[in-house]
Amino acid sequence: MTAPASWRSGPHDRDHARGELPPAARPEGERLRHGLVRTFKDGMSEVRTQRILLLILAVAALHGASTEGFDRLADLHFLSTSGCRRSGAQPVVWFGCSTASG
């Protein structure tokens, strides 16, 4: 009995077998910003051609926008209900204790 091909190959081959592509090397002399812009444009053209990607992007944007208010008000709710105003401690102390306790 022989080992599967993914065991006999190197780590790079295993990543490729799982559908992961190796990072593309930047062409010689290309600036990082140009590479980022090119990647963004390539991604947007792919989103335009496949409607499911546009739907996923729209749902993610709407979800992010809908949770923004909750994220901003959660700190105020914590400060007003935890009693830190009555204790005289600075809000940064309460956030530190909250973060440290998990």
PDB file of N, CA and C in Angstrom:
ATOM      1  N   MET A   1       0.846  -1.168   0.000  1.00  0.00           N
ATOM      2  CA  MET A   1       0.000   0.000   0.000  1.00  0.00           C
ATOM      3  C   MET A   1       0.896   1.236   0.000  1.00  0.00           C
ATOM      4  N   THR A   2       0.587   2.202  -0.827  1.00  0.00           N
ATOM      5  CA  THR A   2       1.413   3.404  -0.925  1.00  0.00           C
ATOM      6  C   THR A   2       0.724   4.563  -0.223  1.00  0.00           C
ATOM      7  N   ALA A   3       1.532   5.533   0.158  1.00  0.00           N
ATOM      8  CA  ALA A   3       1.001   6.729   0.823  1.00  0.00           C
ATOM      9  C   ALA A   3       0.314   7.618  -0.204  1.00  0.00           C
ATOM     10  N   PRO A   4      -0.695   8.367   0.235  1.00  0.00           N
ATOM     11  CA  PRO A   4      -1.346   9.293  -0.695  1.00  0.00           C
ATOM     12  C   PRO A   4      -0.344  10.286  -1.275  1.00  0.00           C
ATOM     13  N   ALA A   5      -0.655  10.790  -2.451  1.00  0.00           N
ATOM     14  CA  ALA A   5       0.258  11.712  -3.127  1.00  0.00           C
ATOM     15  C   ALA A   5       0.491  12.965  -2.304  1.00  0.00           C
ATOM     16  N   SER A   6      -0.511  13.397  -1.528  1.00  0.00           N
ATOM     17  CA  SER A   6      -0.337  14.617  -0.742  1.00  0.00           C
ATOM     18  C   SER A   6       0.680  14.425   0.376  1.00  0.00           C
ATOM     19  N   TRP A   7       0.921  13.183   0.817  1.00  0.00           N
ATOM     20  CA  TRP A   7       1.925  12.931   1.842  1.00  0.00           C
ATOM     21  C   TRP A   7       3.316  12.901   1.251  1.00  0.00           C
ATOM     22  N   ARG A   8       3.421  12.446   0.009  1.00  0.00           N
ATOM     23  CA  ARG A   8       4.736  12.311  -0.609  1.00  0.00           C
ATOM     24  C   ARG A   8       5.239  13.629  -1.159  1.00  0.00           C
ATOM     25  N   SER A   9       4.360  14.542  -1.428  1.00  0.00           N
ATOM     26  CA  SER A   9       4.791  15.803  -2.023  1.00  0.00           C
ATOM     27  C   SER A   9       5.202  16.778  -0.928  1.00  0.00           C
ATOM     28  N   GLY A  10       5.789  17.880  -1.350  1.00  0.00           N
ATOM     29  CA  GLY A  10       6.231  18.896  -0.410  1.00  0.00           C
ATOM     30  C   GLY A  10       5.076  19.726   0.109  1.00  0.00           C
ATOM     31  N   PRO A  11       5.336  20.625   1.061  1.00  0.00           N
ATOM     32  CA  PRO A  11       4.264  21.438   1.634  1.00  0.00           C
ATOM     33  C   PRO A  11       3.625  22.371   0.612  1.00  0.00           C
ATOM     34  N   HIS A  12       4.418  22.837  -0.362  1.00  0.00           N
ATOM     35  CA  HIS A  12       3.859  23.726  -1.381  1.00  0.00           C
ATOM     36  C   HIS A  12       2.831  22.976  -2.232  1.00  0.00           C
ATOM     37  N   ASP A  13       3.122  21.741  -2.567  1.00  0.00           N
ATOM     38  CA  ASP A  13       2.208  20.940  -3.372  1.00  0.00           C
ATOM     39  C   ASP A  13       0.926  20.630  -2.603  1.00  0.00           C
ATOM     40  N   ARG A  14       1.043  20.407  -1.297  1.00  0.00           N
ATOM     41  CA  ARG A  14      -0.159  20.137  -0.496  1.00  0.00           C
ATOM     42  C   ARG A  14      -1.072  21.344  -0.463  1.00  0.00           C
ATOM     43  N   ASP A  15      -0.503  22.558  -0.322  1.00  0.00           N
ATOM     44  CA  ASP A  15      -1.325  23.764  -0.329  1.00  0.00           C
ATOM     45  C   ASP A  15      -2.049  23.904  -1.656  1.00  0.00           C
ATOM     46  N   HIS A  16      -1.357  23.614  -2.744  1.00  0.00           N
ATOM     47  CA  HIS A  16      -1.969  23.730  -4.062  1.00  0.00           C
ATOM     48  C   HIS A  16      -3.058  22.671  -4.240  1.00  0.00           C
ATOM     49  N   ALA A  17      -2.864  21.475  -3.666  1.00  0.00           N
ATOM     50  CA  ALA A  17      -3.869  20.414  -3.785  1.00  0.00           C
ATOM     51  C   ALA A  17      -5.150  20.780  -3.042  1.00  0.00           C
ATOM     52  N   ARG A  18      -5.041  21.579  -1.969  1.00  0.00           N
ATOM     53  CA  ARG A  18      -6.226  22.004  -1.217  1.00  0.00           C
ATOM     54  C   ARG A  18      -6.899  23.204  -1.848  1.00  0.00           C
ATOM     55  N   GLY A  19      -6.385  23.673  -2.961  1.00  0.00           N
ATOM     56  CA  GLY A  19      -6.986  24.813  -3.625  1.00  0.00           C
ATOM     57  C   GLY A  19      -6.376  26.138  -3.228  1.00  0.00           C
ATOM     58  N   GLU A  20      -5.347  26.122  -2.405  1.00  0.00           N
ATOM     59  CA  GLU A  20      -4.691  27.362  -2.002  1.00  0.00           C
ATOM     60  C   GLU A  20      -3.594  27.686  -3.000  1.00  0.00           C
ATOM     61  N   LEU A  21      -3.587  28.903  -3.449  1.00  0.00           N
ATOM     62  CA  LEU A  21      -2.581  29.315  -4.405  1.00  0.00           C
ATOM     63  C   LEU A  21      -1.391  29.931  -3.684  1.00  0.00           C
ATOM     64  N   PRO A  22      -0.198  29.712  -4.193  1.00  0.00           N
ATOM     65  CA  PRO A  22       0.964  30.344  -3.581  1.00  0.00           C
ATOM     66  C   PRO A  22       0.917  31.848  -3.829  1.00  0.00           C
ATOM     67  N   PRO A  23       1.487  32.638  -2.934  1.00  0.00           N
ATOM     68  CA  PRO A  23       1.468  34.082  -3.152  1.00  0.00           C
ATOM     69  C   PRO A  23       2.239  34.435  -4.418  1.00  0.00           C
ATOM     70  N   ALA A  24       1.669  35.320  -5.201  1.00  0.00           N
ATOM     71  CA  ALA A  24       2.322  35.727  -6.441  1.00  0.00           C
ATOM     72  C   ALA A  24       3.424  36.725  -6.129  1.00  0.00           C
ATOM     73  N   ALA A  25       4.552  36.547  -6.784  1.00  0.00           N
ATOM     74  CA  ALA A  25       5.662  37.471  -6.594  1.00  0.00           C
ATOM     75  C   ALA A  25       5.385  38.747  -7.373  1.00  0.00           C
ATOM     76  N   ARG A  26       5.753  39.869  -6.777  1.00  0.00           N
ATOM     77  CA  ARG A  26       5.609  41.146  -7.474  1.00  0.00           C
ATOM     78  C   ARG A  26       6.638  41.233  -8.582  1.00  0.00           C
ATOM     79  N   PRO A  27       6.235  41.734  -9.736  1.00  0.00           N
ATOM     80  CA  PRO A  27       7.221  41.926 -10.799  1.00  0.00           C
ATOM     81  C   PRO A  27       8.329  42.873 -10.347  1.00  0.00           C
ATOM     82  N   GLU A  28       9.495  42.678 -10.871  1.00  0.00           N
ATOM     83  CA  GLU A  28      10.656  43.485 -10.488  1.00  0.00           C
ATOM     84  C   GLU A  28      10.377  44.964 -10.738  1.00  0.00           C
ATOM     85  N   GLY A  29      10.577  45.787  -9.732  1.00  0.00           N
ATOM     86  CA  GLY A  29      10.413  47.226  -9.861  1.00  0.00           C
ATOM     87  C   GLY A  29       8.999  47.729  -9.614  1.00  0.00           C
ATOM     88  N   GLU A  30       8.039  46.844  -9.398  1.00  0.00           N
ATOM     89  CA  GLU A  30       6.668  47.295  -9.157  1.00  0.00           C
ATOM     90  C   GLU A  30       6.532  47.761  -7.716  1.00  0.00           C
ATOM     91  N   ARG A  31       5.893  48.872  -7.533  1.00  0.00           N
ATOM     92  CA  ARG A  31       5.690  49.401  -6.191  1.00  0.00           C
ATOM     93  C   ARG A  31       4.534  48.670  -5.524  1.00  0.00           C
ATOM     94  N   LEU A  32       4.549  48.629  -4.218  1.00  0.00           N
ATOM     95  CA  LEU A  32       3.513  47.943  -3.456  1.00  0.00           C
ATOM     96  C   LEU A  32       2.136  48.518  -3.754  1.00  0.00           C
ATOM     97  N   ARG A  33       2.042  49.838  -3.822  1.00  0.00           N
ATOM     98  CA  ARG A  33       0.757  50.481  -4.073  1.00  0.00           C
ATOM     99  C   ARG A  33       0.178  50.057  -5.424  1.00  0.00           C
ATOM    100  N   HIS A  34       1.021  49.955  -6.432  1.00  0.00           N
ATOM    101  CA  HIS A  34       0.542  49.537  -7.746  1.00  0.00           C
ATOM    102  C   HIS A  34       0.034  48.097  -7.711  1.00  0.00           C
ATOM    103  N   GLY A  35       0.721  47.255  -6.948  1.00  0.00           N
ATOM    104  CA  GLY A  35       0.265  45.877  -6.812  1.00  0.00           C
ATOM    105  C   GLY A  35      -1.078  45.783  -6.111  1.00  0.00           C
ATOM    106  N   LEU A  36      -1.267  46.619  -5.080  1.00  0.00           N
ATOM    107  CA  LEU A  36      -2.546  46.628  -4.367  1.00  0.00           C
ATOM    108  C   LEU A  36      -3.678  47.120  -5.257  1.00  0.00           C
ATOM    109  N   VAL A  37      -3.409  48.157  -6.036  1.00  0.00           N
ATOM    110  CA  VAL A  37      -4.429  48.688  -6.939  1.00  0.00           C
ATOM    111  C   VAL A  37      -4.777  47.658  -8.005  1.00  0.00           C
ATOM    112  N   ARG A  38      -3.764  46.984  -8.533  1.00  0.00           N
ATOM    113  CA  ARG A  38      -4.010  45.969  -9.552  1.00  0.00           C
ATOM    114  C   ARG A  38      -4.840  44.819  -8.986  1.00  0.00           C
ATOM    115  N   THR A  39      -4.509  44.383  -7.761  1.00  0.00           N
ATOM    116  CA  THR A  39      -5.272  43.310  -7.126  1.00  0.00           C
ATOM    117  C   THR A  39      -6.715  43.742  -6.878  1.00  0.00           C
ATOM    118  N   PHE A  40      -6.913  44.981  -6.424  1.00  0.00           N
ATOM    119  CA  PHE A  40      -8.269  45.486  -6.194  1.00  0.00           C
ATOM    120  C   PHE A  40      -9.063  45.509  -7.492  1.00  0.00           C
ATOM    121  N   LYS A  41      -8.450  46.004  -8.570  1.00  0.00           N
ATOM    122  CA  LYS A  41      -9.148  46.058  -9.859  1.00  0.00           C
ATOM    123  C   LYS A  41      -9.480  44.665 -10.374  1.00  0.00           C
ATOM    124  N   ASP A  42      -8.551  43.732 -10.206  1.00  0.00           N
ATOM    125  CA  ASP A  42      -8.831  42.350 -10.622  1.00  0.00           C
ATOM    126  C   ASP A  42      -9.982  41.760  -9.826  1.00  0.00           C
ATOM    127  N   GLY A  43      -9.994  42.025  -8.528  1.00  0.00           N
ATOM    128  CA  GLY A  43     -11.077  41.518  -7.682  1.00  0.00           C
ATOM    129  C   GLY A  43     -12.416  42.120  -8.040  1.00  0.00           C
ATOM    130  N   MET A  44     -12.436  43.419  -8.313  1.00  0.00           N
ATOM    131  CA  MET A  44     -13.703  44.064  -8.669  1.00  0.00           C
ATOM    132  C   MET A  44     -14.219  43.580 -10.020  1.00  0.00           C
ATOM    133  N   SER A  45     -13.316  43.305 -10.956  1.00  0.00           N
ATOM    134  CA  SER A  45     -13.787  42.775 -12.242  1.00  0.00           C
ATOM    135  C   SER A  45     -14.351  41.370 -12.066  1.00  0.00           C
ATOM    136  N   GLU A  46     -13.786  40.612 -11.132  1.00  0.00           N
ATOM    137  CA  GLU A  46     -14.319  39.275 -10.852  1.00  0.00           C
ATOM    138  C   GLU A  46     -15.692  39.374 -10.189  1.00  0.00           C
ATOM    139  N   VAL A  47     -15.865  40.342  -9.291  1.00  0.00           N
ATOM    140  CA  VAL A  47     -17.161  40.541  -8.635  1.00  0.00           C
ATOM    141  C   VAL A  47     -18.212  40.941  -9.661  1.00  0.00           C
ATOM    142  N   ARG A  48     -17.831  41.764 -10.636  1.00  0.00           N
ATOM    143  CA  ARG A  48     -18.786  42.190 -11.660  1.00  0.00           C
ATOM    144  C   ARG A  48     -19.223  41.032 -12.550  1.00  0.00           C
ATOM    145  N   THR A  49     -18.347  40.064 -12.772  1.00  0.00           N
ATOM    146  CA  THR A  49     -18.705  38.968 -13.675  1.00  0.00           C
ATOM    147  C   THR A  49     -19.497  37.875 -12.981  1.00  0.00           C
ATOM    148  N   GLN A  50     -19.351  37.723 -11.665  1.00  0.00           N
ATOM    149  CA  GLN A  50     -20.063  36.669 -10.941  1.00  0.00           C
ATOM    150  C   GLN A  50     -21.019  37.321  -9.941  1.00  0.00           C
ATOM    151  N   ARG A  51     -22.290  37.186 -10.195  1.00  0.00           N
ATOM    152  CA  ARG A  51     -23.322  37.859  -9.399  1.00  0.00           C
ATOM    153  C   ARG A  51     -23.337  37.394  -7.950  1.00  0.00           C
ATOM    154  N   ILE A  52     -22.981  36.152  -7.692  1.00  0.00           N
ATOM    155  CA  ILE A  52     -23.004  35.659  -6.306  1.00  0.00           C
ATOM    156  C   ILE A  52     -21.981  36.401  -5.457  1.00  0.00           C
ATOM    157  N   LEU A  53     -20.846  36.765  -6.051  1.00  0.00           N
ATOM    158  CA  LEU A  53     -19.844  37.530  -5.312  1.00  0.00           C
ATOM    159  C   LEU A  53     -20.352  38.928  -4.993  1.00  0.00           C
ATOM    160  N   LEU A  54     -21.100  39.517  -5.918  1.00  0.00           N
ATOM    161  CA  LEU A  54     -21.700  40.825  -5.669  1.00  0.00           C
ATOM    162  C   LEU A  54     -22.711  40.737  -4.535  1.00  0.00           C
ATOM    163  N   LEU A  55     -23.488  39.672  -4.504  1.00  0.00           N
ATOM    164  CA  LEU A  55     -24.453  39.474  -3.423  1.00  0.00           C
ATOM    165  C   LEU A  55     -23.752  39.311  -2.078  1.00  0.00           C
ATOM    166  N   ILE A  56     -22.687  38.533  -2.050  1.00  0.00           N
ATOM    167  CA  ILE A  56     -21.930  38.338  -0.803  1.00  0.00           C
ATOM    168  C   ILE A  56     -21.337  39.653  -0.332  1.00  0.00           C
ATOM    169  N   LEU A  57     -20.785  40.423  -1.257  1.00  0.00           N
ATOM    170  CA  LEU A  57     -20.199  41.718  -0.901  1.00  0.00           C
ATOM    171  C   LEU A  57     -21.266  42.676  -0.367  1.00  0.00           C
ATOM    172  N   ALA A  58     -22.443  42.689  -0.984  1.00  0.00           N
ATOM    173  CA  ALA A  58     -23.522  43.562  -0.530  1.00  0.00           C
ATOM    174  C   ALA A  58     -24.023  43.158   0.852  1.00  0.00           C
ATOM    175  N   VAL A  59     -24.178  41.866   1.088  1.00  0.00           N
ATOM    176  CA  VAL A  59     -24.637  41.398   2.400  1.00  0.00           C
ATOM    177  C   VAL A  59     -23.607  41.745   3.478  1.00  0.00           C
ATOM    178  N   ALA A  60     -22.330  41.575   3.169  1.00  0.00           N
ATOM    179  CA  ALA A  60     -21.289  41.909   4.142  1.00  0.00           C
ATOM    180  C   ALA A  60     -21.281  43.400   4.452  1.00  0.00           C
ATOM    181  N   ALA A  61     -21.477  44.240   3.442  1.00  0.00           N
ATOM    182  CA  ALA A  61     -21.509  45.689   3.663  1.00  0.00           C
ATOM    183  C   ALA A  61     -22.716  46.086   4.503  1.00  0.00           C
ATOM    184  N   LEU A  62     -23.879  45.518   4.210  1.00  0.00           N
ATOM    185  CA  LEU A  62     -25.075  45.832   4.995  1.00  0.00           C
ATOM    186  C   LEU A  62     -24.956  45.342   6.432  1.00  0.00           C
ATOM    187  N   HIS A  63     -24.379  44.176   6.612  1.00  0.00           N
ATOM    188  CA  HIS A  63     -24.189  43.655   7.972  1.00  0.00           C
ATOM    189  C   HIS A  63     -23.234  44.553   8.755  1.00  0.00           C
ATOM    190  N   GLY A  64     -22.152  44.956   8.124  1.00  0.00           N
ATOM    191  CA  GLY A  64     -21.204  45.845   8.795  1.00  0.00           C
ATOM    192  C   GLY A  64     -21.826  47.175   9.167  1.00  0.00           C
ATOM    193  N   ALA A  65     -22.634  47.714   8.260  1.00  0.00           N
ATOM    194  CA  ALA A  65     -23.285  48.991   8.542  1.00  0.00           C
ATOM    195  C   ALA A  65     -24.330  48.854   9.651  1.00  0.00           C
ATOM    196  N   SER A  66     -25.015  47.725   9.708  1.00  0.00           N
ATOM    197  CA  SER A  66     -26.058  47.568  10.714  1.00  0.00           C
ATOM    198  C   SER A  66     -25.487  47.335  12.109  1.00  0.00           C
ATOM    199  N   THR A  67     -24.304  46.786  12.222  1.00  0.00           N
ATOM    200  CA  THR A  67     -23.725  46.538  13.540  1.00  0.00           C
ATOM    201  C   THR A  67     -22.890  47.706  14.048  1.00  0.00           C
ATOM    202  N   GLU A  68     -22.673  48.719  13.218  1.00  0.00           N
ATOM    203  CA  GLU A  68     -21.844  49.857  13.632  1.00  0.00           C
ATOM    204  C   GLU A  68     -22.449  50.588  14.825  1.00  0.00           C
ATOM    205  N   GLY A  69     -23.742  50.834  14.800  1.00  0.00           N
ATOM    206  CA  GLY A  69     -24.389  51.523  15.912  1.00  0.00           C
ATOM    207  C   GLY A  69     -24.304  50.738  17.208  1.00  0.00           C
ATOM    208  N   PHE A  70     -24.488  49.437  17.116  1.00  0.00           N
ATOM    209  CA  PHE A  70     -24.376  48.601  18.316  1.00  0.00           C
ATOM    210  C   PHE A  70     -22.959  48.647  18.865  1.00  0.00           C
ATOM    211  N   ASP A  71     -21.971  48.578  17.994  1.00  0.00           N
ATOM    212  CA  ASP A  71     -20.583  48.608  18.448  1.00  0.00           C
ATOM    213  C   ASP A  71     -20.259  49.916  19.165  1.00  0.00           C
ATOM    214  N   ARG A  72     -20.768  50.999  18.663  1.00  0.00           N
ATOM    215  CA  ARG A  72     -20.485  52.295  19.285  1.00  0.00           C
ATOM    216  C   ARG A  72     -21.230  52.476  20.603  1.00  0.00           C
ATOM    217  N   LEU A  73     -22.463  51.976  20.671  1.00  0.00           N
ATOM    218  CA  LEU A  73     -23.261  52.170  21.882  1.00  0.00           C
ATOM    219  C   LEU A  73     -22.954  51.149  22.967  1.00  0.00           C
ATOM    220  N   ALA A  74     -22.290  50.058  22.633  1.00  0.00           N
ATOM    221  CA  ALA A  74     -21.978  49.040  23.628  1.00  0.00           C
ATOM    222  C   ALA A  74     -21.075  49.599  24.724  1.00  0.00           C
ATOM    223  N   ASP A  75     -20.122  50.445  24.363  1.00  0.00           N
ATOM    224  CA  ASP A  75     -19.229  51.033  25.374  1.00  0.00           C
ATOM    225  C   ASP A  75     -19.999  51.954  26.314  1.00  0.00           C
ATOM    226  N   LEU A  76     -20.862  52.765  25.755  1.00  0.00           N
ATOM    227  CA  LEU A  76     -21.664  53.658  26.591  1.00  0.00           C
ATOM    228  C   LEU A  76     -22.581  52.859  27.513  1.00  0.00           C
ATOM    229  N   HIS A  77     -23.185  51.807  27.002  1.00  0.00           N
ATOM    230  CA  HIS A  77     -24.052  50.963  27.822  1.00  0.00           C
ATOM    231  C   HIS A  77     -23.253  50.330  28.957  1.00  0.00           C
ATOM    232  N   PHE A  78     -22.051  49.863  28.661  1.00  0.00           N
ATOM    233  CA  PHE A  78     -21.207  49.267  29.696  1.00  0.00           C
ATOM    234  C   PHE A  78     -20.888  50.290  30.778  1.00  0.00           C
ATOM    235  N   LEU A  79     -20.522  51.496  30.375  1.00  0.00           N
ATOM    236  CA  LEU A  79     -20.173  52.514  31.355  1.00  0.00           C
ATOM    237  C   LEU A  79     -21.367  52.942  32.200  1.00  0.00           C
ATOM    238  N   SER A  80     -22.543  53.033  31.594  1.00  0.00           N
ATOM    239  CA  SER A  80     -23.703  53.507  32.352  1.00  0.00           C
ATOM    240  C   SER A  80     -24.309  52.431  33.245  1.00  0.00           C
ATOM    241  N   THR A  81     -24.129  51.160  32.928  1.00  0.00           N
ATOM    242  CA  THR A  81     -24.734  50.113  33.747  1.00  0.00           C
ATOM    243  C   THR A  81     -23.765  49.455  34.719  1.00  0.00           C
ATOM    244  N   SER A  82     -22.482  49.695  34.575  1.00  0.00           N
ATOM    245  CA  SER A  82     -21.524  49.010  35.450  1.00  0.00           C
ATOM    246  C   SER A  82     -21.287  49.737  36.761  1.00  0.00           C
ATOM    247  N   GLY A  83     -21.719  50.974  36.875  1.00  0.00           N
ATOM    248  CA  GLY A  83     -21.547  51.703  38.130  1.00  0.00           C
ATOM    249  C   GLY A  83     -20.220  52.415  38.239  1.00  0.00           C
ATOM    250  N   CYS A  84     -19.512  52.562  37.145  1.00  0.00           N
ATOM    251  CA  CYS A  84     -18.200  53.206  37.233  1.00  0.00           C
ATOM    252  C   CYS A  84     -18.322  54.702  37.505  1.00  0.00           C
ATOM    253  N   ARG A  85     -19.422  55.297  37.124  1.00  0.00           N
ATOM    254  CA  ARG A  85     -19.582  56.731  37.392  1.00  0.00           C
ATOM    255  C   ARG A  85     -19.739  56.983  38.891  1.00  0.00           C
ATOM    256  N   ARG A  86     -20.408  56.069  39.584  1.00  0.00           N
ATOM    257  CA  ARG A  86     -20.605  56.234  41.028  1.00  0.00           C
ATOM    258  C   ARG A  86     -19.332  55.929  41.802  1.00  0.00           C
ATOM    259  N   SER A  87     -18.484  55.042  41.258  1.00  0.00           N
ATOM    260  CA  SER A  87     -17.282  54.654  41.996  1.00  0.00           C
ATOM    261  C   SER A  87     -16.168  55.674  41.860  1.00  0.00           C
ATOM    262  N   GLY A  88     -16.240  56.541  40.860  1.00  0.00           N
ATOM    263  CA  GLY A  88     -15.217  57.559  40.686  1.00  0.00           C
ATOM    264  C   GLY A  88     -14.019  57.092  39.869  1.00  0.00           C
ATOM    265  N   ALA A  89     -14.001  55.836  39.456  1.00  0.00           N
ATOM    266  CA  ALA A  89     -12.885  55.334  38.654  1.00  0.00           C
ATOM    267  C   ALA A  89     -13.004  55.850  37.228  1.00  0.00           C
ATOM    268  N   GLN A  90     -11.868  56.038  36.598  1.00  0.00           N
ATOM    269  CA  GLN A  90     -11.843  56.477  35.203  1.00  0.00           C
ATOM    270  C   GLN A  90     -12.377  55.372  34.297  1.00  0.00           C
ATOM    271  N   PRO A  91     -13.041  55.732  33.200  1.00  0.00           N
ATOM    272  CA  PRO A  91     -13.563  54.717  32.275  1.00  0.00           C
ATOM    273  C   PRO A  91     -12.476  53.775  31.745  1.00  0.00           C
ATOM    274  N   VAL A  92     -11.266  54.289  31.562  1.00  0.00           N
ATOM    275  CA  VAL A  92     -10.200  53.436  31.048  1.00  0.00           C
ATOM    276  C   VAL A  92      -9.890  52.301  32.027  1.00  0.00           C
ATOM    277  N   VAL A  93     -10.052  52.548  33.325  1.00  0.00           N
ATOM    278  CA  VAL A  93      -9.840  51.490  34.328  1.00  0.00           C
ATOM    279  C   VAL A  93     -10.890  50.410  34.169  1.00  0.00           C
ATOM    280  N   TRP A  94     -12.136  50.807  33.947  1.00  0.00           N
ATOM    281  CA  TRP A  94     -13.202  49.840  33.796  1.00  0.00           C
ATOM    282  C   TRP A  94     -13.029  49.024  32.522  1.00  0.00           C
ATOM    283  N   PHE A  95     -12.619  49.663  31.440  1.00  0.00           N
ATOM    284  CA  PHE A  95     -12.382  48.906  30.206  1.00  0.00           C
ATOM    285  C   PHE A  95     -11.206  47.953  30.380  1.00  0.00           C
ATOM    286  N   GLY A  96     -10.180  48.369  31.105  1.00  0.00           N
ATOM    287  CA  GLY A  96      -9.050  47.486  31.379  1.00  0.00           C
ATOM    288  C   GLY A  96      -9.448  46.287  32.210  1.00  0.00           C
ATOM    289  N   CYS A  97     -10.262  46.506  33.237  1.00  0.00           N
ATOM    290  CA  CYS A  97     -10.739  45.388  34.063  1.00  0.00           C
ATOM    291  C   CYS A  97     -11.623  44.457  33.261  1.00  0.00           C
ATOM    292  N   SER A  98     -12.469  45.024  32.405  1.00  0.00           N
ATOM    293  CA  SER A  98     -13.343  44.208  31.570  1.00  0.00           C
ATOM    294  C   SER A  98     -12.530  43.346  30.593  1.00  0.00           C
ATOM    295  N   THR A  99     -11.499  43.937  30.002  1.00  0.00           N
ATOM    296  CA  THR A  99     -10.665  43.211  29.056  1.00  0.00           C
ATOM    297  C   THR A  99      -9.858  42.130  29.769  1.00  0.00           C
ATOM    298  N   ALA A 100      -9.347  42.446  30.955  1.00  0.00           N
ATOM    299  CA  ALA A 100      -8.540  41.481  31.694  1.00  0.00           C
ATOM    300  C   ALA A 100      -9.357  40.307  32.196  1.00  0.00           C
ATOM    301  N   SER A 101     -10.641  40.543  32.499  1.00  0.00           N
ATOM    302  CA  SER A 101     -11.463  39.456  33.040  1.00  0.00           C
ATOM    303  C   SER A 101     -12.014  38.552  31.941  1.00  0.00           C
ATOM    304  N   GLY A 102     -11.855  38.952  30.712  1.00  0.00           N
ATOM    305  CA  GLY A 102     -12.247  38.054  29.622  1.00  0.00           C
ATOM    306  C   GLY A 102     -13.485  38.476  28.980  1.00  0.00           C
TER     307      GLY A 102
END
